[in-house]
Every structure is written in structure tokens, then in C-alpha cells.
Amino acid sequence: MFAAALVSACGGYSLSELSSGKTQLSGSGAQAPASNSGVAPSALASPEQEAAVRKVALSATSLSDPSSKAYKVGPLDVLDVTVFKVPDLSKSVQVSENGTISFPLVGEVQAGGKTAREIEQSLTKLLGAKYLRNPQVTVFVKEYNSQRVTIEGAVKKPGVIPMVGGLSLLQAVAQAQGLETTAETSALVFRVTNGKRAAAKYDISDIRDGKADDPQLQAGDVIIVPTSDMKEGFNTVLRVLPLATLIPLL
């Protein structure tokens, strides 16, 4: 269902048209479902609300954009590590499947789920503790592994999940060790395809109960499960996005 929604949503409709429930999604045989918020769908997608949704989408998809400082390193990524004036410690390293890198002097270092800046800080601390005085470490993502998804929010183990074969939304939640008690029932999925951002909303409870399909994820997807505290900030997104329909945002 998720992949079909992506294909059918690429017809160039605006967020307002799609969220109103009036637009027929080509190839889907069904209209985009209306919001379940209790507010008239046509009143939801004001320019201000569209801007709010786009802002959230930009922030979320930056987690999987290697050009962004917010990008979180994943398994099999290749990192260029430079230690200023120490050429023997400047090298390219690949992140293992369990998310670690092996680095001279300090051994295994956790890299998966961290930004390049956070890895720099870890290496600086480890090298400076015993081996170097005031080391200056730079980490650059040379190659990023597209076969992974990122899950954030109200899950017990947020971070980067490698994709081995197919991966569904519920499987991703399970690999993140399940939901926190403060989790909302809706999960947001953000995707970038050919530079175009899109988002979808799914009800995890309905999927678990067999009332809705468990969508298949694609490499680079970002999943956010809001908490009750986060709900206010995500309220516009949760209200505007119809269930189980991938909506083009930018």
C-alpha cells in the first residue's frame, strides 16, 4: 500500500487538494481519505499549516540527508577521519553492521545513530584522554549507506536501522524495541525521492489489529512516533495528513 500510495501521489497535486479528500489519486482506485481530527478537511490546509508541515518534513528528512549536519551515521557508511598533524591517524573507516568503527589506539567506537559532529567529539575525548594533547578531529561522511531507515521519537531504542531485505513499519518499531508508554498511536513516515519530500501518517494500533495494512518502508525513510508531549508541536502534521496516503510536500 505504501509504495502504491507513493506512485499515485506523484501527480503534482497540492497538499490542500489532497488533504481535502476531493482529489482522486490516479491508479489507486480510491480517494485520499479525509482527516480523522473532527475538523472539516477543507479547513485544515491553510498556507500557514502547509508551511508548518513542510518545516517538519525538512527537519525530519535532514536525518537521512548526508549533506545535512543532522544526518545520523548508519551501518556500512564510510567515514573520512582526519586528525590534525597526525597523518598516521587520518584514514577512511567503514561502520560495521553493529554500528561501530575500529580506530587506532582507541579500538571500537560507537558511530551508528550519531552525527559526524558527535563522532568527532567521541574520538577527541578518547584520543585526548591518553594519547594526544588537544587533538583536533574532523569526521566527514564519505559514503552513506542508503539501505537503512531512521526511527525517532517515542520508541525505546531510536536510531538507524539497517535494511536486510524488506522492512515494514511494524518491523521497524519492533527493531526499535517497541513503543514507549507515552507514544501516540500515529506514526509519521517521511521520504525523499529524487529530491522531492513526501509524508504519510499511519495508525499503529490499526495495523496491529489487522484493520490496516502494514506498509513497506523504503531505504532512507524517516519514522517519527510522537509522544504525548510532542503532540502539540506535531498537531498540524497529524491533523493535515490523511491516514495511509503519501502526500507530496515539496
C-alpha atoms as a PDB file:
ATOM      1  CA  MET A   1       0.000   0.000   0.000  1.00  0.00           C
ATOM      2  CA  PHE A   2       2.818   2.422   0.905  1.00  0.00           C
ATOM      3  CA  ALA A   3       4.608   2.043  -2.435  1.00  0.00           C
ATOM      4  CA  ALA A   4       1.339   2.305  -4.371  1.00  0.00           C
ATOM      5  CA  ALA A   5       0.477   5.481  -2.500  1.00  0.00           C
ATOM      6  CA  LEU A   6       3.855   6.946  -3.436  1.00  0.00           C
ATOM      7  CA  VAL A   7       3.327   6.282  -7.136  1.00  0.00           C
ATOM      8  CA  SER A   8      -0.231   7.581  -7.143  1.00  0.00           C
ATOM      9  CA  ALA A   9       0.660  10.673  -5.127  1.00  0.00           C
ATOM     10  CA  CYS A  10       3.136  11.945  -7.692  1.00  0.00           C
ATOM     11  CA  GLY A  11       0.535  13.663  -9.837  1.00  0.00           C
ATOM     12  CA  GLY A  12       1.542  17.188  -8.847  1.00  0.00           C
ATOM     13  CA  TYR A  13      -1.451  17.908  -6.609  1.00  0.00           C
ATOM     14  CA  SER A  14      -1.082  20.445  -3.822  1.00  0.00           C
ATOM     15  CA  LEU A  15      -1.273  19.472  -0.174  1.00  0.00           C
ATOM     16  CA  SER A  16      -4.536  21.388   0.067  1.00  0.00           C
ATOM     17  CA  GLU A  17      -6.152  19.375  -2.736  1.00  0.00           C
ATOM     18  CA  LEU A  18      -5.010  16.033  -1.404  1.00  0.00           C
ATOM     19  CA  SER A  19      -5.865  16.641   2.232  1.00  0.00           C
ATOM     20  CA  SER A  20      -9.334  17.874   1.297  1.00  0.00           C
ATOM     21  CA  GLY A  21     -10.286  14.358   0.229  1.00  0.00           C
ATOM     22  CA  LYS A  22     -11.587  15.671  -3.104  1.00  0.00           C
ATOM     23  CA  THR A  23      -8.735  14.559  -5.308  1.00  0.00           C
ATOM     24  CA  GLN A  24      -8.785  11.121  -6.920  1.00  0.00           C
ATOM     25  CA  LEU A  25      -5.350   9.513  -6.671  1.00  0.00           C
ATOM     26  CA  SER A  26      -4.584   8.113 -10.101  1.00  0.00           C
ATOM     27  CA  GLY A  27      -4.090   4.374 -10.124  1.00  0.00           C
ATOM     28  CA  SER A  28      -5.272   3.886  -6.546  1.00  0.00           C
ATOM     29  CA  GLY A  29      -8.971   3.429  -7.208  1.00  0.00           C
ATOM     30  CA  ALA A  30      -9.777   5.398  -4.084  1.00  0.00           C
ATOM     31  CA  GLN A  31      -9.869   8.963  -2.933  1.00  0.00           C
ATOM     32  CA  ALA A  32      -7.436  10.340  -0.408  1.00  0.00           C
ATOM     33  CA  PRO A  33      -9.071   9.739   2.958  1.00  0.00           C
ATOM     34  CA  ALA A  34     -10.201  12.737   4.925  1.00  0.00           C
ATOM     35  CA  SER A  35      -8.606  13.693   8.220  1.00  0.00           C
ATOM     36  CA  ASN A  36      -9.968  11.998  11.319  1.00  0.00           C
ATOM     37  CA  SER A  37      -9.420  15.019  13.531  1.00  0.00           C
ATOM     38  CA  GLY A  38     -13.067  16.079  13.604  1.00  0.00           C
ATOM     39  CA  VAL A  39     -12.278  19.318  11.768  1.00  0.00           C
ATOM     40  CA  ALA A  40     -13.554  19.904   8.262  1.00  0.00           C
ATOM     41  CA  PRO A  41     -10.751  18.722   5.940  1.00  0.00           C
ATOM     42  CA  SER A  42     -11.059  21.744   3.680  1.00  0.00           C
ATOM     43  CA  ALA A  43     -10.242  23.953   6.685  1.00  0.00           C
ATOM     44  CA  LEU A  44      -7.037  22.137   7.570  1.00  0.00           C
ATOM     45  CA  ALA A  45      -4.548  23.022   4.853  1.00  0.00           C
ATOM     46  CA  SER A  46      -4.187  26.780   5.159  1.00  0.00           C
ATOM     47  CA  PRO A  47      -0.952  28.296   3.833  1.00  0.00           C
ATOM     48  CA  GLU A  48       0.289  28.558   7.423  1.00  0.00           C
ATOM     49  CA  GLN A  49      -0.459  24.888   8.060  1.00  0.00           C
ATOM     50  CA  GLU A  50       1.171  23.810   4.812  1.00  0.00           C
ATOM     51  CA  ALA A  51       4.260  25.803   5.819  1.00  0.00           C
ATOM     52  CA  ALA A  52       4.277  24.104   9.232  1.00  0.00           C
ATOM     53  CA  VAL A  53       4.090  20.652   7.650  1.00  0.00           C
ATOM     54  CA  ARG A  54       6.893  21.475   5.223  1.00  0.00           C
ATOM     55  CA  LYS A  55       9.049  22.719   8.109  1.00  0.00           C
ATOM     56  CA  VAL A  56       8.580  19.442   9.959  1.00  0.00           C
ATOM     57  CA  ALA A  57       9.320  17.491   6.771  1.00  0.00           C
ATOM     58  CA  LEU A  58      12.555  19.401   6.167  1.00  0.00           C
ATOM     59  CA  SER A  59      13.664  18.821   9.749  1.00  0.00           C
ATOM     60  CA  ALA A  60      12.775  15.114   9.675  1.00  0.00           C
ATOM     61  CA  THR A  61      14.322  14.266   6.321  1.00  0.00           C
ATOM     62  CA  SER A  62      17.561  16.009   7.282  1.00  0.00           C
ATOM     63  CA  LEU A  63      18.201  12.972   9.498  1.00  0.00           C
ATOM     64  CA  SER A  64      18.704  10.878   6.359  1.00  0.00           C
ATOM     65  CA  ASP A  65      20.326  13.564   4.181  1.00  0.00           C
ATOM     66  CA  PRO A  66      24.116  13.078   4.174  1.00  0.00           C
ATOM     67  CA  SER A  67      24.651  16.725   3.281  1.00  0.00           C
ATOM     68  CA  SER A  68      22.918  17.786   6.490  1.00  0.00           C
ATOM     69  CA  LYS A  69      24.680  18.261   9.821  1.00  0.00           C
ATOM     70  CA  ALA A  70      21.763  16.391  11.403  1.00  0.00           C
ATOM     71  CA  TYR A  71      22.444  13.234   9.340  1.00  0.00           C
ATOM     72  CA  LYS A  72      22.874  10.197  11.563  1.00  0.00           C
ATOM     73  CA  VAL A  73      25.515   7.718  10.501  1.00  0.00           C
ATOM     74  CA  GLY A  74      24.336   4.184   9.746  1.00  0.00           C
ATOM     75  CA  PRO A  75      25.844   0.720   9.233  1.00  0.00           C
ATOM     76  CA  LEU A  76      28.195   0.400   6.240  1.00  0.00           C
ATOM     77  CA  ASP A  77      28.637   4.169   5.911  1.00  0.00           C
ATOM     78  CA  VAL A  78      32.236   5.152   5.102  1.00  0.00           C
ATOM     79  CA  LEU A  79      33.768   7.950   7.172  1.00  0.00           C
ATOM     80  CA  ASP A  80      36.842  10.067   6.478  1.00  0.00           C
ATOM     81  CA  VAL A  81      38.534  10.775   9.819  1.00  0.00           C
ATOM     82  CA  THR A  82      41.262  13.407   9.931  1.00  0.00           C
ATOM     83  CA  VAL A  83      43.408  14.105  13.000  1.00  0.00           C
ATOM     84  CA  PHE A  84      45.224  17.400  12.510  1.00  0.00           C
ATOM     85  CA  LYS A  85      49.016  16.947  12.184  1.00  0.00           C
ATOM     86  CA  VAL A  86      48.773  13.198  12.861  1.00  0.00           C
ATOM     87  CA  PRO A  87      48.723  11.598   9.374  1.00  0.00           C
ATOM     88  CA  ASP A  88      49.002   8.066  10.768  1.00  0.00           C
ATOM     89  CA  LEU A  89      45.594   8.517  12.404  1.00  0.00           C
ATOM     90  CA  SER A  90      43.917  10.100   9.368  1.00  0.00           C
ATOM     91  CA  LYS A  91      42.068   7.383   7.475  1.00  0.00           C
ATOM     92  CA  SER A  92      38.808   6.151   5.990  1.00  0.00           C
ATOM     93  CA  VAL A  93      36.820   3.707   8.096  1.00  0.00           C
ATOM     94  CA  GLN A  94      33.620   1.795   7.444  1.00  0.00           C
ATOM     95  CA  VAL A  95      30.883   1.495  10.018  1.00  0.00           C
ATOM     96  CA  SER A  96      30.231  -2.142  10.875  1.00  0.00           C
ATOM     97  CA  GLU A  97      26.799  -3.751  10.779  1.00  0.00           C
ATOM     98  CA  ASN A  98      26.522  -3.310  14.554  1.00  0.00           C
ATOM     99  CA  GLY A  99      27.253   0.422  14.223  1.00  0.00           C
ATOM    100  CA  THR A 100      30.862   0.629  15.413  1.00  0.00           C
ATOM    101  CA  ILE A 101      34.130   1.723  13.836  1.00  0.00           C
ATOM    102  CA  SER A 102      37.581   0.401  14.658  1.00  0.00           C
ATOM    103  CA  PHE A 103      40.058   3.232  15.179  1.00  0.00           C
ATOM    104  CA  PRO A 104      43.776   3.116  16.028  1.00  0.00           C
ATOM    105  CA  LEU A 105      44.698   3.475  19.701  1.00  0.00           C
ATOM    106  CA  VAL A 106      41.116   3.643  20.977  1.00  0.00           C
ATOM    107  CA  GLY A 107      39.646   0.460  19.456  1.00  0.00           C
ATOM    108  CA  GLU A 108      35.897   0.075  18.899  1.00  0.00           C
ATOM    109  CA  VAL A 109      33.893   3.322  18.909  1.00  0.00           C
ATOM    110  CA  GLN A 110      30.123   3.623  18.545  1.00  0.00           C
ATOM    111  CA  ALA A 111      29.239   5.575  15.389  1.00  0.00           C
ATOM    112  CA  GLY A 112      25.810   4.319  14.316  1.00  0.00           C
ATOM    113  CA  GLY A 113      22.984   6.658  15.257  1.00  0.00           C
ATOM    114  CA  LYS A 114      25.368   9.576  15.813  1.00  0.00           C
ATOM    115  CA  THR A 115      26.055  12.656  13.727  1.00  0.00           C
ATOM    116  CA  ALA A 116      29.536  13.309  12.325  1.00  0.00           C
ATOM    117  CA  ARG A 117      29.954  16.033  14.932  1.00  0.00           C
ATOM    118  CA  GLU A 118      29.099  13.624  17.754  1.00  0.00           C
ATOM    119  CA  ILE A 119      31.642  11.099  16.429  1.00  0.00           C
ATOM    120  CA  GLU A 120      34.247  13.875  16.287  1.00  0.00           C
ATOM    121  CA  GLN A 121      33.552  14.648  19.940  1.00  0.00           C
ATOM    122  CA  SER A 122      33.810  10.984  20.959  1.00  0.00           C
ATOM    123  CA  LEU A 123      37.146  10.488  19.174  1.00  0.00           C
ATOM    124  CA  THR A 124      38.516  13.769  20.520  1.00  0.00           C
ATOM    125  CA  LYS A 125      37.682  12.726  24.071  1.00  0.00           C
ATOM    126  CA  LEU A 126      39.128   9.212  23.687  1.00  0.00           C
ATOM    127  CA  LEU A 127      42.337  10.336  21.971  1.00  0.00           C
ATOM    128  CA  GLY A 128      42.833  13.234  24.365  1.00  0.00           C
ATOM    129  CA  ALA A 129      42.371  11.079  27.457  1.00  0.00           C
ATOM    130  CA  LYS A 130      45.600   9.091  26.974  1.00  0.00           C
ATOM    131  CA  TYR A 131      47.330   9.632  23.669  1.00  0.00           C
ATOM    132  CA  LEU A 132      47.262  13.188  22.290  1.00  0.00           C
ATOM    133  CA  ARG A 133      47.243  16.691  23.712  1.00  0.00           C
ATOM    134  CA  ASN A 134      44.292  18.737  22.451  1.00  0.00           C
ATOM    135  CA  PRO A 135      43.592  16.583  19.375  1.00  0.00           C
ATOM    136  CA  GLN A 136      41.683  18.192  16.528  1.00  0.00           C
ATOM    137  CA  VAL A 137      39.469  15.594  14.868  1.00  0.00           C
ATOM    138  CA  THR A 138      37.319  16.052  11.778  1.00  0.00           C
ATOM    139  CA  VAL A 139      34.806  13.458  10.578  1.00  0.00           C
ATOM    140  CA  PHE A 140      33.232  13.580   7.128  1.00  0.00           C
ATOM    141  CA  VAL A 141      30.688  11.133   5.703  1.00  0.00           C
ATOM    142  CA  LYS A 142      32.390   9.941   2.519  1.00  0.00           C
ATOM    143  CA  GLU A 143      29.813   7.331   1.516  1.00  0.00           C
ATOM    144  CA  TYR A 144      26.444   6.855   3.089  1.00  0.00           C
ATOM    145  CA  ASN A 145      24.548   3.612   3.195  1.00  0.00           C
ATOM    146  CA  SER A 146      21.133   4.098   1.590  1.00  0.00           C
ATOM    147  CA  GLN A 147      19.874   0.744   2.810  1.00  0.00           C
ATOM    148  CA  ARG A 148      18.611   1.898   6.164  1.00  0.00           C
ATOM    149  CA  VAL A 149      15.777   3.761   7.840  1.00  0.00           C
ATOM    150  CA  THR A 150      15.807   6.143  10.792  1.00  0.00           C
ATOM    151  CA  ILE A 151      13.299   5.924  13.643  1.00  0.00           C
ATOM    152  CA  GLU A 152      12.900   8.686  16.215  1.00  0.00           C
ATOM    153  CA  GLY A 153      10.517   9.746  18.953  1.00  0.00           C
ATOM    154  CA  ALA A 154       8.629   7.585  21.430  1.00  0.00           C
ATOM    155  CA  VAL A 155      10.391   4.272  20.814  1.00  0.00           C
ATOM    156  CA  LYS A 156      12.649   2.525  23.310  1.00  0.00           C
ATOM    157  CA  LYS A 157      15.707   2.482  21.050  1.00  0.00           C
ATOM    158  CA  PRO A 158      15.628   5.311  18.487  1.00  0.00           C
ATOM    159  CA  GLY A 159      18.300   5.365  15.834  1.00  0.00           C
ATOM    160  CA  VAL A 160      19.342   3.917  12.487  1.00  0.00           C
ATOM    161  CA  ILE A 161      18.038   0.507  11.408  1.00  0.00           C
ATOM    162  CA  PRO A 162      19.779  -1.361   8.570  1.00  0.00           C
ATOM    163  CA  MET A 163      17.504  -2.852   5.938  1.00  0.00           C
ATOM    164  CA  VAL A 164      18.111  -6.501   5.146  1.00  0.00           C
ATOM    165  CA  GLY A 165      15.543  -7.455   2.533  1.00  0.00           C
ATOM    166  CA  GLY A 166      12.147  -5.849   3.105  1.00  0.00           C
ATOM    167  CA  LEU A 167      11.210  -3.892   6.217  1.00  0.00           C
ATOM    168  CA  SER A 168       7.720  -2.876   7.285  1.00  0.00           C
ATOM    169  CA  LEU A 169       6.659  -0.150   9.693  1.00  0.00           C
ATOM    170  CA  LEU A 170       5.819  -2.610  12.474  1.00  0.00           C
ATOM    171  CA  GLN A 171       9.102  -4.443  11.948  1.00  0.00           C
ATOM    172  CA  ALA A 172      10.978  -1.150  12.279  1.00  0.00           C
ATOM    173  CA  VAL A 173       9.112  -0.386  15.511  1.00  0.00           C
ATOM    174  CA  ALA A 174       9.935  -3.876  16.784  1.00  0.00           C
ATOM    175  CA  GLN A 175      13.632  -3.421  15.964  1.00  0.00           C
ATOM    176  CA  ALA A 176      13.486  -0.181  17.951  1.00  0.00           C
ATOM    177  CA  GLN A 177      12.326  -2.388  20.879  1.00  0.00           C
ATOM    178  CA  GLY A 178       8.738  -1.174  20.737  1.00  0.00           C
ATOM    179  CA  LEU A 179       6.868   1.961  21.738  1.00  0.00           C
ATOM    180  CA  GLU A 180       7.240   3.942  24.922  1.00  0.00           C
ATOM    181  CA  THR A 181       4.201   4.242  27.175  1.00  0.00           C
ATOM    182  CA  THR A 182       3.927   7.921  26.199  1.00  0.00           C
ATOM    183  CA  ALA A 183       3.698   7.151  22.461  1.00  0.00           C
ATOM    184  CA  GLU A 184       0.823   8.334  20.326  1.00  0.00           C
ATOM    185  CA  THR A 185      -0.921   5.768  18.138  1.00  0.00           C
ATOM    186  CA  SER A 186       0.005   7.609  14.926  1.00  0.00           C
ATOM    187  CA  ALA A 187       3.419   7.284  13.278  1.00  0.00           C
ATOM    188  CA  LEU A 188       4.697   9.727  10.665  1.00  0.00           C
ATOM    189  CA  VAL A 189       6.810   8.477   7.760  1.00  0.00           C
ATOM    190  CA  PHE A 190       8.876  10.982   5.761  1.00  0.00           C
ATOM    191  CA  ARG A 191      10.510  10.132   2.447  1.00  0.00           C
ATOM    192  CA  VAL A 192      12.700  11.849  -0.148  1.00  0.00           C
ATOM    193  CA  THR A 193      12.533  10.631  -3.762  1.00  0.00           C
ATOM    194  CA  ASN A 194      14.523  12.429  -6.466  1.00  0.00           C
ATOM    195  CA  GLY A 195      14.818  15.445  -4.200  1.00  0.00           C
ATOM    196  CA  LYS A 196      11.060  15.595  -3.547  1.00  0.00           C
ATOM    197  CA  ARG A 197       9.825  15.273   0.029  1.00  0.00           C
ATOM    198  CA  ALA A 198       6.656  13.432   0.985  1.00  0.00           C
ATOM    199  CA  ALA A 199       4.977  12.297   4.191  1.00  0.00           C
ATOM    200  CA  ALA A 200       2.385   9.803   5.367  1.00  0.00           C
ATOM    201  CA  LYS A 201       0.558   9.068   8.616  1.00  0.00           C
ATOM    202  CA  TYR A 202      -0.254   5.569   9.890  1.00  0.00           C
ATOM    203  CA  ASP A 203      -2.212   4.308  12.883  1.00  0.00           C
ATOM    204  CA  ILE A 204      -0.033   1.708  14.577  1.00  0.00           C
ATOM    205  CA  SER A 205      -2.919   0.320  16.630  1.00  0.00           C
ATOM    206  CA  ASP A 206      -4.998  -0.305  13.495  1.00  0.00           C
ATOM    207  CA  ILE A 207      -2.055  -2.066  11.829  1.00  0.00           C
ATOM    208  CA  ARG A 208      -1.507  -4.286  14.864  1.00  0.00           C
ATOM    209  CA  ASP A 209      -5.201  -5.152  14.997  1.00  0.00           C
ATOM    210  CA  GLY A 210      -5.258  -6.072  11.309  1.00  0.00           C
ATOM    211  CA  LYS A 211      -7.541  -3.143  10.442  1.00  0.00           C
ATOM    212  CA  ALA A 212      -4.909  -1.535   8.181  1.00  0.00           C
ATOM    213  CA  ASP A 213      -2.039  -2.805   6.054  1.00  0.00           C
ATOM    214  CA  ASP A 214       1.483  -2.784   7.439  1.00  0.00           C
ATOM    215  CA  PRO A 215       3.312  -0.507   4.941  1.00  0.00           C
ATOM    216  CA  GLN A 216       6.642  -1.483   3.452  1.00  0.00           C
ATOM    217  CA  LEU A 217       9.363   1.076   4.040  1.00  0.00           C
ATOM    218  CA  GLN A 218      11.961   2.259   1.573  1.00  0.00           C
ATOM    219  CA  ALA A 219      15.641   2.956   2.125  1.00  0.00           C
ATOM    220  CA  GLY A 220      16.169   6.412   3.612  1.00  0.00           C
ATOM    221  CA  ASP A 221      12.708   6.681   5.185  1.00  0.00           C
ATOM    222  CA  VAL A 222      12.435   8.549   8.477  1.00  0.00           C
ATOM    223  CA  ILE A 223       9.834   7.390  11.009  1.00  0.00           C
ATOM    224  CA  ILE A 224       8.731   9.640  13.848  1.00  0.00           C
ATOM    225  CA  VAL A 225       6.467   8.401  16.632  1.00  0.00           C
ATOM    226  CA  PRO A 226       5.273  11.459  18.580  1.00  0.00           C
ATOM    227  CA  THR A 227       4.935  11.391  22.354  1.00  0.00           C
ATOM    228  CA  SER A 228       2.046  12.994  24.180  1.00  0.00           C
ATOM    229  CA  ASP A 229       4.412  15.898  24.986  1.00  0.00           C
ATOM    230  CA  MET A 230       5.405  16.217  21.322  1.00  0.00           C
ATOM    231  CA  LYS A 231       1.816  16.043  20.114  1.00  0.00           C
ATOM    232  CA  GLU A 232       1.235  19.798  20.321  1.00  0.00           C
ATOM    233  CA  GLY A 233       4.225  20.506  18.089  1.00  0.00           C
ATOM    234  CA  PHE A 234       3.171  17.819  15.615  1.00  0.00           C
ATOM    235  CA  ASN A 235      -0.531  18.650  15.852  1.00  0.00           C
ATOM    236  CA  THR A 236      -0.706  20.383  12.466  1.00  0.00           C
ATOM    237  CA  VAL A 237       1.029  17.463  10.755  1.00  0.00           C
ATOM    238  CA  LEU A 238      -1.211  14.911  12.452  1.00  0.00           C
ATOM    239  CA  ARG A 239      -4.326  16.868  11.500  1.00  0.00           C
ATOM    240  CA  VAL A 240      -3.461  17.696   7.901  1.00  0.00           C
ATOM    241  CA  LEU A 241      -2.036  14.380   6.725  1.00  0.00           C
ATOM    242  CA  PRO A 242      -4.682  11.797   5.830  1.00  0.00           C
ATOM    243  CA  LEU A 243      -4.118   8.258   7.027  1.00  0.00           C
ATOM    244  CA  ALA A 244      -2.126   5.825   4.873  1.00  0.00           C
ATOM    245  CA  THR A 245      -1.586   8.243   1.982  1.00  0.00           C
ATOM    246  CA  LEU A 246       1.822   9.566   0.965  1.00  0.00           C
ATOM    247  CA  ILE A 247       1.442  13.289   0.306  1.00  0.00           C
ATOM    248  CA  PRO A 248       3.996  15.276  -1.731  1.00  0.00           C
ATOM    249  CA  LEU A 249       5.172  18.258   0.306  1.00  0.00           C
ATOM    250  CA  LEU A 250       7.978  19.976  -1.580  1.00  0.00           C
END
